[in-house]
Amino acid sequence: MRTADNNELHQPVLTRTLLDLLAPSLAGDAVMIDCTLGLGGHTEAFLREFPQLRVVGIDRDPSAIRLASERLEPFGSRFVAVHSTYDDVDLVAAEHGRDGKVDAILMDLGVSSLQLDEADRGFSYAQDAPLDMRMNPEAGRSAKEILATASHSELSRILRVYGEEKFAARIAEAIIRRRETKPLERTGELVEIVREAIPAAARRTGGNPAKRTFQALRIAVNEELEILELAIPRAIEALRVGGRLAVESYQSLEDRIVKETFAKGSASTTPAGLPVELDSHKPYLRQLHRGVVKASEEEIAENPRSASVRLRGVERVAPTPKHLSIPNRGNR
């Protein structure tokens, strides 16, 4: 079992860039939400950089909550951990913010180093382990259950949409053919099925051929995109005017959701043809840079996980117009 001493092995991505990006909203007695706490690396950096800052860290993984809480214990009441999924960011802000709002929000998406490093969690195609992949091992369907019950069309959709796998139908067919004789239980079994289903020519390039399948299953198991689609607008609503939101994504599906939501909030909705811009239709977000911020070659050399990061940030410049406000919360 990992302990707090292992936290030093985790290197958070773009830490200095994030500190500088969110700094203008963190003067004085500020409150920040780290929506993806993980091992607490980003949170620790912010607590050290801003001595009056309080951070609320959200994570669905009980191991992350435990390890990060141990690591951040020296900061006392300046850190609070919340065991939940981060689409509850608005509820967390209502409880821990000032007048229900916070000053900054950070999201570092995807699978964490903690989960990848724990071989028996089943996230890695490089290590044989039970087919689980749940970020919260106490809830939800495992990868094994999805592979045992999903139809050919559903498996194909998961692999094609979430993994951008062009051989999705072939892999789905191979999975179903295999499970008719023996249930899939181990990651090594799935790797072998994928390898055999993909044409030999396609296996020669692009790294491990199971990479996209494992990404797709992980996203499906943890409902990552559905949660993100809910979390981004809720995070915006949880920010005070002048507050900032930064999101680090690691694949195009995540980044597309972030990009489209930020673009919507930073564009005027004044109907075309009117001679003036209506105050109630002015943008309520300001994008903090053009396009995405990527890691430097130096950081990639030190921290290979940063190679695929895409960072986007916005500042809330006005309340959301009433005609655009997110609807009342319902069951997810």
C-alpha atoms as a PDB file:
ATOM      1  CA  MET A   1       0.000   0.000   0.000  1.00  0.00           C
ATOM      2  CA  ARG A   2       1.237   3.466  -0.835  1.00  0.00           C
ATOM      3  CA  THR A   3       1.975   5.925   1.959  1.00  0.00           C
ATOM      4  CA  ALA A   4       2.329   9.684   2.082  1.00  0.00           C
ATOM      5  CA  ASP A   5       6.100   9.196   1.597  1.00  0.00           C
ATOM      6  CA  ASN A   6       5.399   8.104  -1.992  1.00  0.00           C
ATOM      7  CA  ASN A   7       3.912  11.488  -2.849  1.00  0.00           C
ATOM      8  CA  GLU A   8       7.353  12.820  -3.715  1.00  0.00           C
ATOM      9  CA  LEU A   9       7.350  10.454  -6.708  1.00  0.00           C
ATOM     10  CA  HIS A  10       4.401  12.272  -8.258  1.00  0.00           C
ATOM     11  CA  GLN A  11       5.266  15.341 -10.302  1.00  0.00           C
ATOM     12  CA  PRO A  12       2.257  17.597 -10.976  1.00  0.00           C
ATOM     13  CA  VAL A  13       2.016  19.089 -14.461  1.00  0.00           C
ATOM     14  CA  LEU A  14       2.579  22.798 -15.315  1.00  0.00           C
ATOM     15  CA  THR A  15       2.688  23.792 -11.653  1.00  0.00           C
ATOM     16  CA  ARG A  16       4.527  27.109 -12.123  1.00  0.00           C
ATOM     17  CA  THR A  17       2.316  28.038 -15.045  1.00  0.00           C
ATOM     18  CA  LEU A  18      -0.817  27.358 -12.988  1.00  0.00           C
ATOM     19  CA  LEU A  19       0.464  29.345 -10.007  1.00  0.00           C
ATOM     20  CA  ASP A  20       1.046  32.372 -12.242  1.00  0.00           C
ATOM     21  CA  LEU A  21      -2.224  31.932 -14.146  1.00  0.00           C
ATOM     22  CA  LEU A  22      -4.436  31.827 -11.055  1.00  0.00           C
ATOM     23  CA  ALA A  23      -2.416  34.271  -8.916  1.00  0.00           C
ATOM     24  CA  PRO A  24      -4.477  37.396  -9.796  1.00  0.00           C
ATOM     25  CA  SER A  25      -7.560  35.827  -8.207  1.00  0.00           C
ATOM     26  CA  LEU A  26      -5.806  34.555  -5.061  1.00  0.00           C
ATOM     27  CA  ALA A  27      -4.814  37.726  -3.214  1.00  0.00           C
ATOM     28  CA  GLY A  28      -5.615  37.810   0.502  1.00  0.00           C
ATOM     29  CA  ASP A  29      -7.942  35.353   2.213  1.00  0.00           C
ATOM     30  CA  ALA A  30      -8.916  33.425  -0.922  1.00  0.00           C
ATOM     31  CA  VAL A  31     -10.577  30.036  -1.383  1.00  0.00           C
ATOM     32  CA  MET A  32      -9.653  27.636  -4.171  1.00  0.00           C
ATOM     33  CA  ILE A  33     -11.121  24.270  -5.174  1.00  0.00           C
ATOM     34  CA  ASP A  34      -8.799  21.601  -6.536  1.00  0.00           C
ATOM     35  CA  CYS A  35     -11.350  19.420  -8.331  1.00  0.00           C
ATOM     36  CA  THR A  36      -8.921  16.569  -8.950  1.00  0.00           C
ATOM     37  CA  LEU A  37      -6.896  16.314  -5.762  1.00  0.00           C
ATOM     38  CA  GLY A  38      -4.934  13.154  -6.541  1.00  0.00           C
ATOM     39  CA  LEU A  39      -1.823  12.995  -4.387  1.00  0.00           C
ATOM     40  CA  GLY A  40      -2.112  16.704  -3.571  1.00  0.00           C
ATOM     41  CA  GLY A  41       0.886  17.996  -5.525  1.00  0.00           C
ATOM     42  CA  HIS A  42      -0.852  20.987  -7.067  1.00  0.00           C
ATOM     43  CA  THR A  43      -2.644  21.814  -3.826  1.00  0.00           C
ATOM     44  CA  GLU A  44       0.589  21.754  -1.840  1.00  0.00           C
ATOM     45  CA  ALA A  45       2.244  24.134  -4.305  1.00  0.00           C
ATOM     46  CA  PHE A  46      -0.648  26.603  -4.021  1.00  0.00           C
ATOM     47  CA  LEU A  47      -0.745  26.436  -0.215  1.00  0.00           C
ATOM     48  CA  ARG A  48       3.000  27.185  -0.074  1.00  0.00           C
ATOM     49  CA  GLU A  49       2.819  29.983  -2.645  1.00  0.00           C
ATOM     50  CA  PHE A  50      -0.170  31.788  -1.089  1.00  0.00           C
ATOM     51  CA  PRO A  51       0.091  31.794   2.732  1.00  0.00           C
ATOM     52  CA  GLN A  52      -3.503  32.937   3.340  1.00  0.00           C
ATOM     53  CA  LEU A  53      -5.098  30.611   0.804  1.00  0.00           C
ATOM     54  CA  ARG A  54      -7.537  27.858   1.762  1.00  0.00           C
ATOM     55  CA  VAL A  55      -7.934  24.892  -0.601  1.00  0.00           C
ATOM     56  CA  VAL A  56     -10.759  22.374  -0.796  1.00  0.00           C
ATOM     57  CA  GLY A  57      -9.676  19.207  -2.595  1.00  0.00           C
ATOM     58  CA  ILE A  58     -12.193  16.907  -4.290  1.00  0.00           C
ATOM     59  CA  ASP A  59     -11.476  13.313  -5.265  1.00  0.00           C
ATOM     60  CA  ARG A  60     -13.595  10.214  -5.796  1.00  0.00           C
ATOM     61  CA  ASP A  61     -10.706   7.882  -4.900  1.00  0.00           C
ATOM     62  CA  PRO A  62     -10.582   7.068  -1.153  1.00  0.00           C
ATOM     63  CA  SER A  63      -6.849   6.303  -1.400  1.00  0.00           C
ATOM     64  CA  ALA A  64      -6.200   9.758  -2.858  1.00  0.00           C
ATOM     65  CA  ILE A  65      -8.172  11.409  -0.067  1.00  0.00           C
ATOM     66  CA  ARG A  66      -6.163   9.503   2.554  1.00  0.00           C
ATOM     67  CA  LEU A  67      -2.728  10.062   1.036  1.00  0.00           C
ATOM     68  CA  ALA A  68      -3.269  13.721   0.162  1.00  0.00           C
ATOM     69  CA  SER A  69      -4.678  14.410   3.641  1.00  0.00           C
ATOM     70  CA  GLU A  70      -1.536  12.913   5.192  1.00  0.00           C
ATOM     71  CA  ARG A  71       0.675  14.971   2.904  1.00  0.00           C
ATOM     72  CA  LEU A  72      -1.181  18.218   3.557  1.00  0.00           C
ATOM     73  CA  GLU A  73      -1.679  17.774   7.308  1.00  0.00           C
ATOM     74  CA  PRO A  74       0.991  20.424   8.107  1.00  0.00           C
ATOM     75  CA  PHE A  75      -1.301  23.073   6.572  1.00  0.00           C
ATOM     76  CA  GLY A  76      -3.983  22.401   9.168  1.00  0.00           C
ATOM     77  CA  SER A  77      -7.393  23.951   8.543  1.00  0.00           C
ATOM     78  CA  ARG A  78      -6.187  25.612   5.335  1.00  0.00           C
ATOM     79  CA  PHE A  79      -6.889  22.304   3.569  1.00  0.00           C
ATOM     80  CA  VAL A  80     -10.140  20.339   3.509  1.00  0.00           C
ATOM     81  CA  ALA A  81     -10.727  17.095   1.580  1.00  0.00           C
ATOM     82  CA  VAL A  82     -14.095  16.135   0.084  1.00  0.00           C
ATOM     83  CA  HIS A  83     -14.804  12.591  -1.112  1.00  0.00           C
ATOM     84  CA  SER A  84     -16.971  13.084  -4.195  1.00  0.00           C
ATOM     85  CA  THR A  85     -16.923  13.446  -7.959  1.00  0.00           C
ATOM     86  CA  TYR A  86     -16.015  16.918  -9.148  1.00  0.00           C
ATOM     87  CA  ASP A  87     -19.343  17.625 -10.811  1.00  0.00           C
ATOM     88  CA  ASP A  88     -20.305  18.492  -7.218  1.00  0.00           C
ATOM     89  CA  VAL A  89     -17.995  21.522  -7.442  1.00  0.00           C
ATOM     90  CA  ASP A  90     -20.906  23.952  -7.028  1.00  0.00           C
ATOM     91  CA  LEU A  91     -22.119  22.192  -3.881  1.00  0.00           C
ATOM     92  CA  VAL A  92     -18.590  22.239  -2.470  1.00  0.00           C
ATOM     93  CA  ALA A  93     -18.328  25.962  -3.231  1.00  0.00           C
ATOM     94  CA  ALA A  94     -21.677  26.613  -1.556  1.00  0.00           C
ATOM     95  CA  GLU A  95     -20.437  24.914   1.628  1.00  0.00           C
ATOM     96  CA  HIS A  96     -16.832  26.116   1.776  1.00  0.00           C
ATOM     97  CA  GLY A  97     -16.735  29.352  -0.217  1.00  0.00           C
ATOM     98  CA  ARG A  98     -17.581  32.902   0.751  1.00  0.00           C
ATOM     99  CA  ASP A  99     -21.235  33.624   0.026  1.00  0.00           C
ATOM    100  CA  GLY A 100     -21.298  30.393  -1.943  1.00  0.00           C
ATOM    101  CA  LYS A 101     -18.511  31.414  -4.350  1.00  0.00           C
ATOM    102  CA  VAL A 102     -14.788  30.695  -4.585  1.00  0.00           C
ATOM    103  CA  ASP A 103     -11.849  32.591  -6.043  1.00  0.00           C
ATOM    104  CA  ALA A 104     -10.219  29.924  -8.204  1.00  0.00           C
ATOM    105  CA  ILE A 105     -10.837  26.395  -9.451  1.00  0.00           C
ATOM    106  CA  LEU A 106      -8.335  23.904 -10.863  1.00  0.00           C
ATOM    107  CA  MET A 107      -9.050  20.702 -12.810  1.00  0.00           C
ATOM    108  CA  ASP A 108      -6.275  18.279 -13.780  1.00  0.00           C
ATOM    109  CA  LEU A 109      -8.183  15.671 -15.783  1.00  0.00           C
ATOM    110  CA  GLY A 110      -7.568  12.040 -16.644  1.00  0.00           C
ATOM    111  CA  VAL A 111      -6.100   9.189 -14.654  1.00  0.00           C
ATOM    112  CA  SER A 112      -3.745  10.042 -11.781  1.00  0.00           C
ATOM    113  CA  SER A 113      -0.268   8.726 -11.096  1.00  0.00           C
ATOM    114  CA  LEU A 114      -1.659   7.073  -7.972  1.00  0.00           C
ATOM    115  CA  GLN A 115      -4.074   4.983 -10.024  1.00  0.00           C
ATOM    116  CA  LEU A 116      -1.534   4.105 -12.720  1.00  0.00           C
ATOM    117  CA  ASP A 117       1.077   3.096 -10.168  1.00  0.00           C
ATOM    118  CA  GLU A 118      -1.271   0.750  -8.289  1.00  0.00           C
ATOM    119  CA  ALA A 119      -1.003  -2.292 -10.570  1.00  0.00           C
ATOM    120  CA  ASP A 120      -4.015  -4.090  -9.099  1.00  0.00           C
ATOM    121  CA  ARG A 121      -6.335  -1.214 -10.065  1.00  0.00           C
ATOM    122  CA  GLY A 122      -6.228  -2.376 -13.688  1.00  0.00           C
ATOM    123  CA  PHE A 123      -5.600   0.995 -15.357  1.00  0.00           C
ATOM    124  CA  SER A 124      -2.361   0.027 -17.082  1.00  0.00           C
ATOM    125  CA  TYR A 125      -2.027  -2.167 -20.160  1.00  0.00           C
ATOM    126  CA  ALA A 126       1.639  -2.669 -19.225  1.00  0.00           C
ATOM    127  CA  GLN A 127       0.909  -4.742 -16.091  1.00  0.00           C
ATOM    128  CA  ASP A 128      -1.318  -7.794 -15.694  1.00  0.00           C
ATOM    129  CA  ALA A 129      -4.046  -7.117 -13.136  1.00  0.00           C
ATOM    130  CA  PRO A 130      -7.776  -7.578 -12.513  1.00  0.00           C
ATOM    131  CA  LEU A 131      -9.953  -5.662 -14.997  1.00  0.00           C
ATOM    132  CA  ASP A 132     -11.276  -2.969 -12.685  1.00  0.00           C
ATOM    133  CA  MET A 133     -10.373   0.637 -13.717  1.00  0.00           C
ATOM    134  CA  ARG A 134     -12.724   2.292 -11.224  1.00  0.00           C
ATOM    135  CA  MET A 135     -11.350   5.543  -9.791  1.00  0.00           C
ATOM    136  CA  ASN A 136     -13.568   4.861  -6.800  1.00  0.00           C
ATOM    137  CA  PRO A 137     -13.151   1.119  -6.242  1.00  0.00           C
ATOM    138  CA  GLU A 138     -16.122   1.164  -3.878  1.00  0.00           C
ATOM    139  CA  ALA A 139     -18.745   2.196  -6.459  1.00  0.00           C
ATOM    140  CA  GLY A 140     -19.865   1.718 -10.035  1.00  0.00           C
ATOM    141  CA  ARG A 141     -19.343  -0.947 -12.691  1.00  0.00           C
ATOM    142  CA  SER A 142     -15.862  -2.293 -13.303  1.00  0.00           C
ATOM    143  CA  ALA A 143     -14.286  -2.782 -16.717  1.00  0.00           C
ATOM    144  CA  LYS A 144     -14.782  -6.521 -16.242  1.00  0.00           C
ATOM    145  CA  GLU A 145     -18.545  -6.017 -15.841  1.00  0.00           C
ATOM    146  CA  ILE A 146     -18.801  -3.785 -18.916  1.00  0.00           C
ATOM    147  CA  LEU A 147     -16.845  -6.262 -21.029  1.00  0.00           C
ATOM    148  CA  ALA A 148     -19.070  -9.097 -19.801  1.00  0.00           C
ATOM    149  CA  THR A 149     -22.422  -7.448 -20.508  1.00  0.00           C
ATOM    150  CA  ALA A 150     -22.166  -4.774 -23.210  1.00  0.00           C
ATOM    151  CA  SER A 151     -23.501  -5.545 -26.674  1.00  0.00           C
ATOM    152  CA  HIS A 152     -21.346  -5.457 -29.785  1.00  0.00           C
ATOM    153  CA  SER A 153     -22.767  -2.061 -30.757  1.00  0.00           C
ATOM    154  CA  GLU A 154     -22.173  -0.615 -27.298  1.00  0.00           C
ATOM    155  CA  LEU A 155     -18.612  -1.922 -27.093  1.00  0.00           C
ATOM    156  CA  SER A 156     -17.910  -0.587 -30.585  1.00  0.00           C
ATOM    157  CA  ARG A 157     -19.294   2.814 -29.618  1.00  0.00           C
ATOM    158  CA  ILE A 158     -17.189   2.980 -26.443  1.00  0.00           C
ATOM    159  CA  LEU A 159     -13.998   2.098 -28.294  1.00  0.00           C
ATOM    160  CA  ARG A 160     -14.716   4.314 -31.295  1.00  0.00           C
ATOM    161  CA  VAL A 161     -15.908   7.416 -29.417  1.00  0.00           C
ATOM    162  CA  TYR A 162     -13.876   7.335 -26.208  1.00  0.00           C
ATOM    163  CA  GLY A 163     -10.743   5.713 -27.620  1.00  0.00           C
ATOM    164  CA  GLU A 164     -10.919   7.036 -31.180  1.00  0.00           C
ATOM    165  CA  GLU A 165     -10.105   3.445 -32.161  1.00  0.00           C
ATOM    166  CA  LYS A 166     -10.591   2.809 -35.901  1.00  0.00           C
ATOM    167  CA  PHE A 167     -10.652  -0.968 -35.373  1.00  0.00           C
ATOM    168  CA  ALA A 168     -13.401  -0.704 -32.729  1.00  0.00           C
ATOM    169  CA  ALA A 169     -15.806  -3.132 -34.408  1.00  0.00           C
ATOM    170  CA  ARG A 170     -13.130  -5.799 -34.863  1.00  0.00           C
ATOM    171  CA  ILE A 171     -12.000  -5.517 -31.246  1.00  0.00           C
ATOM    172  CA  ALA A 172     -15.593  -5.642 -29.978  1.00  0.00           C
ATOM    173  CA  GLU A 173     -16.245  -8.756 -32.053  1.00  0.00           C
ATOM    174  CA  ALA A 174     -13.133 -10.422 -30.644  1.00  0.00           C
ATOM    175  CA  ILE A 175     -14.143  -9.571 -27.067  1.00  0.00           C
ATOM    176  CA  ILE A 176     -17.617 -11.053 -27.515  1.00  0.00           C
ATOM    177  CA  ARG A 177     -16.233 -14.178 -29.205  1.00  0.00           C
ATOM    178  CA  ARG A 178     -13.829 -14.670 -26.291  1.00  0.00           C
ATOM    179  CA  ARG A 179     -16.394 -14.132 -23.534  1.00  0.00           C
ATOM    180  CA  GLU A 180     -18.668 -16.805 -25.012  1.00  0.00           C
ATOM    181  CA  THR A 181     -16.140 -19.415 -23.886  1.00  0.00           C
ATOM    182  CA  LYS A 182     -14.460 -17.727 -20.922  1.00  0.00           C
ATOM    183  CA  PRO A 183     -15.087 -14.454 -19.057  1.00  0.00           C
ATOM    184  CA  LEU A 184     -12.465 -11.725 -19.363  1.00  0.00           C
ATOM    185  CA  GLU A 185     -10.912 -11.096 -15.966  1.00  0.00           C
ATOM    186  CA  ARG A 186      -7.349  -9.805 -16.469  1.00  0.00           C
ATOM    187  CA  THR A 187      -5.816  -6.832 -18.253  1.00  0.00           C
ATOM    188  CA  GLY A 188      -3.273  -9.137 -19.883  1.00  0.00           C
ATOM    189  CA  GLU A 189      -6.092 -11.093 -21.519  1.00  0.00           C
ATOM    190  CA  LEU A 190      -7.589  -7.921 -22.954  1.00  0.00           C
ATOM    191  CA  VAL A 191      -4.211  -6.749 -24.283  1.00  0.00           C
ATOM    192  CA  GLU A 192      -3.780 -10.035 -26.120  1.00  0.00           C
ATOM    193  CA  ILE A 193      -7.292  -9.899 -27.611  1.00  0.00           C
ATOM    194  CA  VAL A 194      -6.708  -6.364 -28.889  1.00  0.00           C
ATOM    195  CA  ARG A 195      -3.330  -7.291 -30.315  1.00  0.00           C
ATOM    196  CA  GLU A 196      -4.791 -10.213 -32.242  1.00  0.00           C
ATOM    197  CA  ALA A 197      -7.781  -8.195 -33.498  1.00  0.00           C
ATOM    198  CA  ILE A 198      -5.735  -5.378 -35.008  1.00  0.00           C
ATOM    199  CA  PRO A 199      -4.058  -5.951 -38.400  1.00  0.00           C
ATOM    200  CA  ALA A 200      -0.332  -6.677 -38.206  1.00  0.00           C
ATOM    201  CA  ALA A 201       0.570  -3.574 -40.206  1.00  0.00           C
ATOM    202  CA  ALA A 202      -1.274  -1.328 -37.737  1.00  0.00           C
ATOM    203  CA  ARG A 203       0.538  -2.917 -34.787  1.00  0.00           C
ATOM    204  CA  ARG A 204       3.951  -1.815 -36.007  1.00  0.00           C
ATOM    205  CA  THR A 205       3.481   1.878 -35.195  1.00  0.00           C
ATOM    206  CA  GLY A 206       1.900   4.011 -32.498  1.00  0.00           C
ATOM    207  CA  GLY A 207       3.040   2.172 -29.387  1.00  0.00           C
ATOM    208  CA  ASN A 208       1.019  -0.485 -27.575  1.00  0.00           C
ATOM    209  CA  PRO A 209      -2.087  -1.277 -29.666  1.00  0.00           C
ATOM    210  CA  ALA A 210      -4.191  -1.652 -26.498  1.00  0.00           C
ATOM    211  CA  LYS A 211      -3.619   1.962 -25.410  1.00  0.00           C
ATOM    212  CA  ARG A 212      -6.791   3.348 -27.027  1.00  0.00           C
ATOM    213  CA  THR A 213      -8.930   0.451 -25.783  1.00  0.00           C
ATOM    214  CA  PHE A 214      -7.781   0.967 -22.197  1.00  0.00           C
ATOM    215  CA  GLN A 215      -8.418   4.718 -22.445  1.00  0.00           C
ATOM    216  CA  ALA A 216     -11.911   4.103 -23.795  1.00  0.00           C
ATOM    217  CA  LEU A 217     -12.845   1.607 -21.095  1.00  0.00           C
ATOM    218  CA  ARG A 218     -11.483   3.830 -18.328  1.00  0.00           C
ATOM    219  CA  ILE A 219     -13.554   6.768 -19.574  1.00  0.00           C
ATOM    220  CA  ALA A 220     -16.674   4.602 -19.817  1.00  0.00           C
ATOM    221  CA  VAL A 221     -16.195   2.978 -16.408  1.00  0.00           C
ATOM    222  CA  ASN A 222     -15.778   6.327 -14.664  1.00  0.00           C
ATOM    223  CA  GLU A 223     -18.246   8.352 -16.790  1.00  0.00           C
ATOM    224  CA  GLU A 224     -15.476  10.891 -17.220  1.00  0.00           C
ATOM    225  CA  LEU A 225     -16.912  12.897 -20.108  1.00  0.00           C
ATOM    226  CA  GLU A 226     -20.424  13.002 -18.655  1.00  0.00           C
ATOM    227  CA  ILE A 227     -19.017  14.313 -15.372  1.00  0.00           C
ATOM    228  CA  LEU A 228     -16.834  16.868 -17.156  1.00  0.00           C
ATOM    229  CA  GLU A 229     -19.778  18.197 -19.195  1.00  0.00           C
ATOM    230  CA  LEU A 230     -21.634  18.864 -15.942  1.00  0.00           C
ATOM    231  CA  ALA A 231     -18.626  20.095 -13.994  1.00  0.00           C
ATOM    232  CA  ILE A 232     -17.380  22.879 -16.291  1.00  0.00           C
ATOM    233  CA  PRO A 233     -20.561  25.020 -16.249  1.00  0.00           C
ATOM    234  CA  ARG A 234     -21.057  24.323 -12.548  1.00  0.00           C
ATOM    235  CA  ALA A 235     -17.484  25.421 -11.860  1.00  0.00           C
ATOM    236  CA  ILE A 236     -18.080  28.655 -13.764  1.00  0.00           C
ATOM    237  CA  GLU A 237     -21.203  29.324 -11.705  1.00  0.00           C
ATOM    238  CA  ALA A 238     -19.212  28.646  -8.517  1.00  0.00           C
ATOM    239  CA  LEU A 239     -16.674  31.392  -9.302  1.00  0.00           C
ATOM    240  CA  ARG A 240     -16.999  34.924  -8.021  1.00  0.00           C
ATOM    241  CA  VAL A 241     -16.635  37.709 -10.577  1.00  0.00           C
ATOM    242  CA  GLY A 242     -12.876  38.075 -10.972  1.00  0.00           C
ATOM    243  CA  GLY A 243     -12.307  34.408 -10.182  1.00  0.00           C
ATOM    244  CA  ARG A 244     -10.390  32.102 -12.502  1.00  0.00           C
ATOM    245  CA  LEU A 245     -10.780  28.531 -13.727  1.00  0.00           C
ATOM    246  CA  ALA A 246      -7.893  26.476 -15.162  1.00  0.00           C
ATOM    247  CA  VAL A 247      -8.344  23.073 -16.797  1.00  0.00           C
ATOM    248  CA  GLU A 248      -5.607  20.643 -17.815  1.00  0.00           C
ATOM    249  CA  SER A 249      -6.787  17.973 -20.258  1.00  0.00           C
ATOM    250  CA  TYR A 250      -4.817  15.175 -21.854  1.00  0.00           C
ATOM    251  CA  GLN A 251      -6.863  14.038 -24.824  1.00  0.00           C
ATOM    252  CA  SER A 252      -8.989  15.655 -27.494  1.00  0.00           C
ATOM    253  CA  LEU A 253     -12.405  14.591 -26.172  1.00  0.00           C
ATOM    254  CA  GLU A 254     -11.821  16.354 -22.856  1.00  0.00           C
ATOM    255  CA  ASP A 255     -10.292  19.401 -24.467  1.00  0.00           C
ATOM    256  CA  ARG A 256     -13.191  19.780 -26.912  1.00  0.00           C
ATOM    257  CA  ILE A 257     -15.698  20.025 -24.038  1.00  0.00           C
ATOM    258  CA  VAL A 258     -13.572  22.618 -22.255  1.00  0.00           C
ATOM    259  CA  LYS A 259     -12.905  24.617 -25.433  1.00  0.00           C
ATOM    260  CA  GLU A 260     -16.570  24.781 -26.455  1.00  0.00           C
ATOM    261  CA  THR A 261     -17.808  25.795 -22.996  1.00  0.00           C
ATOM    262  CA  PHE A 262     -15.168  28.508 -22.658  1.00  0.00           C
ATOM    263  CA  ALA A 263     -15.878  29.793 -26.176  1.00  0.00           C
ATOM    264  CA  LYS A 264     -19.591  30.022 -25.439  1.00  0.00           C
ATOM    265  CA  GLY A 265     -19.021  32.097 -22.327  1.00  0.00           C
ATOM    266  CA  SER A 266     -16.510  34.436 -23.950  1.00  0.00           C
ATOM    267  CA  ALA A 267     -18.701  35.340 -26.948  1.00  0.00           C
ATOM    268  CA  SER A 268     -21.474  37.910 -27.131  1.00  0.00           C
ATOM    269  CA  THR A 269     -24.996  36.540 -27.548  1.00  0.00           C
ATOM    270  CA  THR A 270     -26.464  39.833 -28.772  1.00  0.00           C
ATOM    271  CA  PRO A 271     -28.768  38.951 -31.701  1.00  0.00           C
ATOM    272  CA  ALA A 272     -27.251  39.671 -35.091  1.00  0.00           C
ATOM    273  CA  GLY A 273     -28.327  42.941 -36.691  1.00  0.00           C
ATOM    274  CA  LEU A 274     -28.666  45.020 -33.535  1.00  0.00           C
ATOM    275  CA  PRO A 275     -26.653  48.280 -33.658  1.00  0.00           C
ATOM    276  CA  VAL A 276     -25.371  47.934 -30.056  1.00  0.00           C
ATOM    277  CA  GLU A 277     -24.313  45.084 -27.806  1.00  0.00           C
ATOM    278  CA  LEU A 278     -26.912  44.374 -25.135  1.00  0.00           C
ATOM    279  CA  ASP A 279     -25.542  44.430 -21.595  1.00  0.00           C
ATOM    280  CA  SER A 280     -27.439  41.257 -20.751  1.00  0.00           C
ATOM    281  CA  HIS A 281     -25.777  39.479 -23.685  1.00  0.00           C
ATOM    282  CA  LYS A 282     -22.148  40.485 -23.116  1.00  0.00           C
ATOM    283  CA  PRO A 283     -19.546  37.772 -22.507  1.00  0.00           C
ATOM    284  CA  TYR A 284     -19.265  36.577 -18.920  1.00  0.00           C
ATOM    285  CA  LEU A 285     -15.872  34.897 -19.435  1.00  0.00           C
ATOM    286  CA  ARG A 286     -12.507  36.143 -20.653  1.00  0.00           C
ATOM    287  CA  GLN A 287     -10.093  33.599 -22.075  1.00  0.00           C
ATOM    288  CA  LEU A 288      -6.656  34.033 -20.511  1.00  0.00           C
ATOM    289  CA  HIS A 289      -4.632  33.064 -23.582  1.00  0.00           C
ATOM    290  CA  ARG A 290      -5.066  32.229 -27.229  1.00  0.00           C
ATOM    291  CA  GLY A 291      -5.475  28.517 -27.836  1.00  0.00           C
ATOM    292  CA  VAL A 292      -3.895  26.117 -25.390  1.00  0.00           C
ATOM    293  CA  VAL A 293      -0.780  26.242 -23.233  1.00  0.00           C
ATOM    294  CA  LYS A 294       1.514  23.222 -23.580  1.00  0.00           C
ATOM    295  CA  ALA A 295       4.471  22.017 -21.576  1.00  0.00           C
ATOM    296  CA  SER A 296       7.964  23.128 -22.545  1.00  0.00           C
ATOM    297  CA  GLU A 297      10.520  20.663 -23.847  1.00  0.00           C
ATOM    298  CA  GLU A 298      12.351  20.971 -20.515  1.00  0.00           C
ATOM    299  CA  GLU A 299       9.272  19.994 -18.501  1.00  0.00           C
ATOM    300  CA  ILE A 300       8.461  17.108 -20.833  1.00  0.00           C
ATOM    301  CA  ALA A 301      12.004  15.791 -20.366  1.00  0.00           C
ATOM    302  CA  GLU A 302      11.585  15.963 -16.574  1.00  0.00           C
ATOM    303  CA  ASN A 303       7.960  14.803 -16.496  1.00  0.00           C
ATOM    304  CA  PRO A 304       6.845  12.725 -19.527  1.00  0.00           C
ATOM    305  CA  ARG A 305       3.192  12.879 -18.399  1.00  0.00           C
ATOM    306  CA  SER A 306       3.170  16.559 -19.374  1.00  0.00           C
ATOM    307  CA  ALA A 307       3.765  15.787 -23.080  1.00  0.00           C
ATOM    308  CA  SER A 308       0.058  15.621 -23.938  1.00  0.00           C
ATOM    309  CA  VAL A 309      -1.285  18.337 -21.617  1.00  0.00           C
ATOM    310  CA  ARG A 310      -3.526  21.088 -22.968  1.00  0.00           C
ATOM    311  CA  LEU A 311      -4.147  23.919 -20.509  1.00  0.00           C
ATOM    312  CA  ARG A 312      -7.004  26.401 -20.916  1.00  0.00           C
ATOM    313  CA  GLY A 313      -7.952  29.160 -18.499  1.00  0.00           C
ATOM    314  CA  VAL A 314     -10.741  31.720 -18.143  1.00  0.00           C
ATOM    315  CA  GLU A 315     -11.613  34.614 -15.857  1.00  0.00           C
ATOM    316  CA  ARG A 316     -15.202  35.281 -14.865  1.00  0.00           C
ATOM    317  CA  VAL A 317     -15.851  38.919 -15.801  1.00  0.00           C
ATOM    318  CA  ALA A 318     -19.601  39.101 -15.146  1.00  0.00           C
ATOM    319  CA  PRO A 319     -22.478  37.041 -13.790  1.00  0.00           C
ATOM    320  CA  THR A 320     -23.924  34.560 -16.243  1.00  0.00           C
ATOM    321  CA  PRO A 321     -26.909  36.132 -18.050  1.00  0.00           C
ATOM    322  CA  LYS A 322     -30.174  34.728 -16.761  1.00  0.00           C
ATOM    323  CA  HIS A 323     -31.108  33.331 -20.154  1.00  0.00           C
ATOM    324  CA  LEU A 324     -27.880  31.279 -20.132  1.00  0.00           C
ATOM    325  CA  SER A 325     -27.722  30.182 -16.499  1.00  0.00           C
ATOM    326  CA  ILE A 326     -27.346  26.475 -15.936  1.00  0.00           C
ATOM    327  CA  PRO A 327     -30.590  24.726 -14.961  1.00  0.00           C
ATOM    328  CA  ASN A 328     -31.379  23.562 -11.444  1.00  0.00           C
ATOM    329  CA  ARG A 329     -29.476  20.481 -10.413  1.00  0.00           C
ATOM    330  CA  GLY A 330     -31.125  17.154 -11.067  1.00  0.00           C
ATOM    331  CA  ASN A 331     -30.000  13.592 -10.719  1.00  0.00           C
ATOM    332  CA  ARG A 332     -26.944  12.846 -12.801  1.00  0.00           C
END
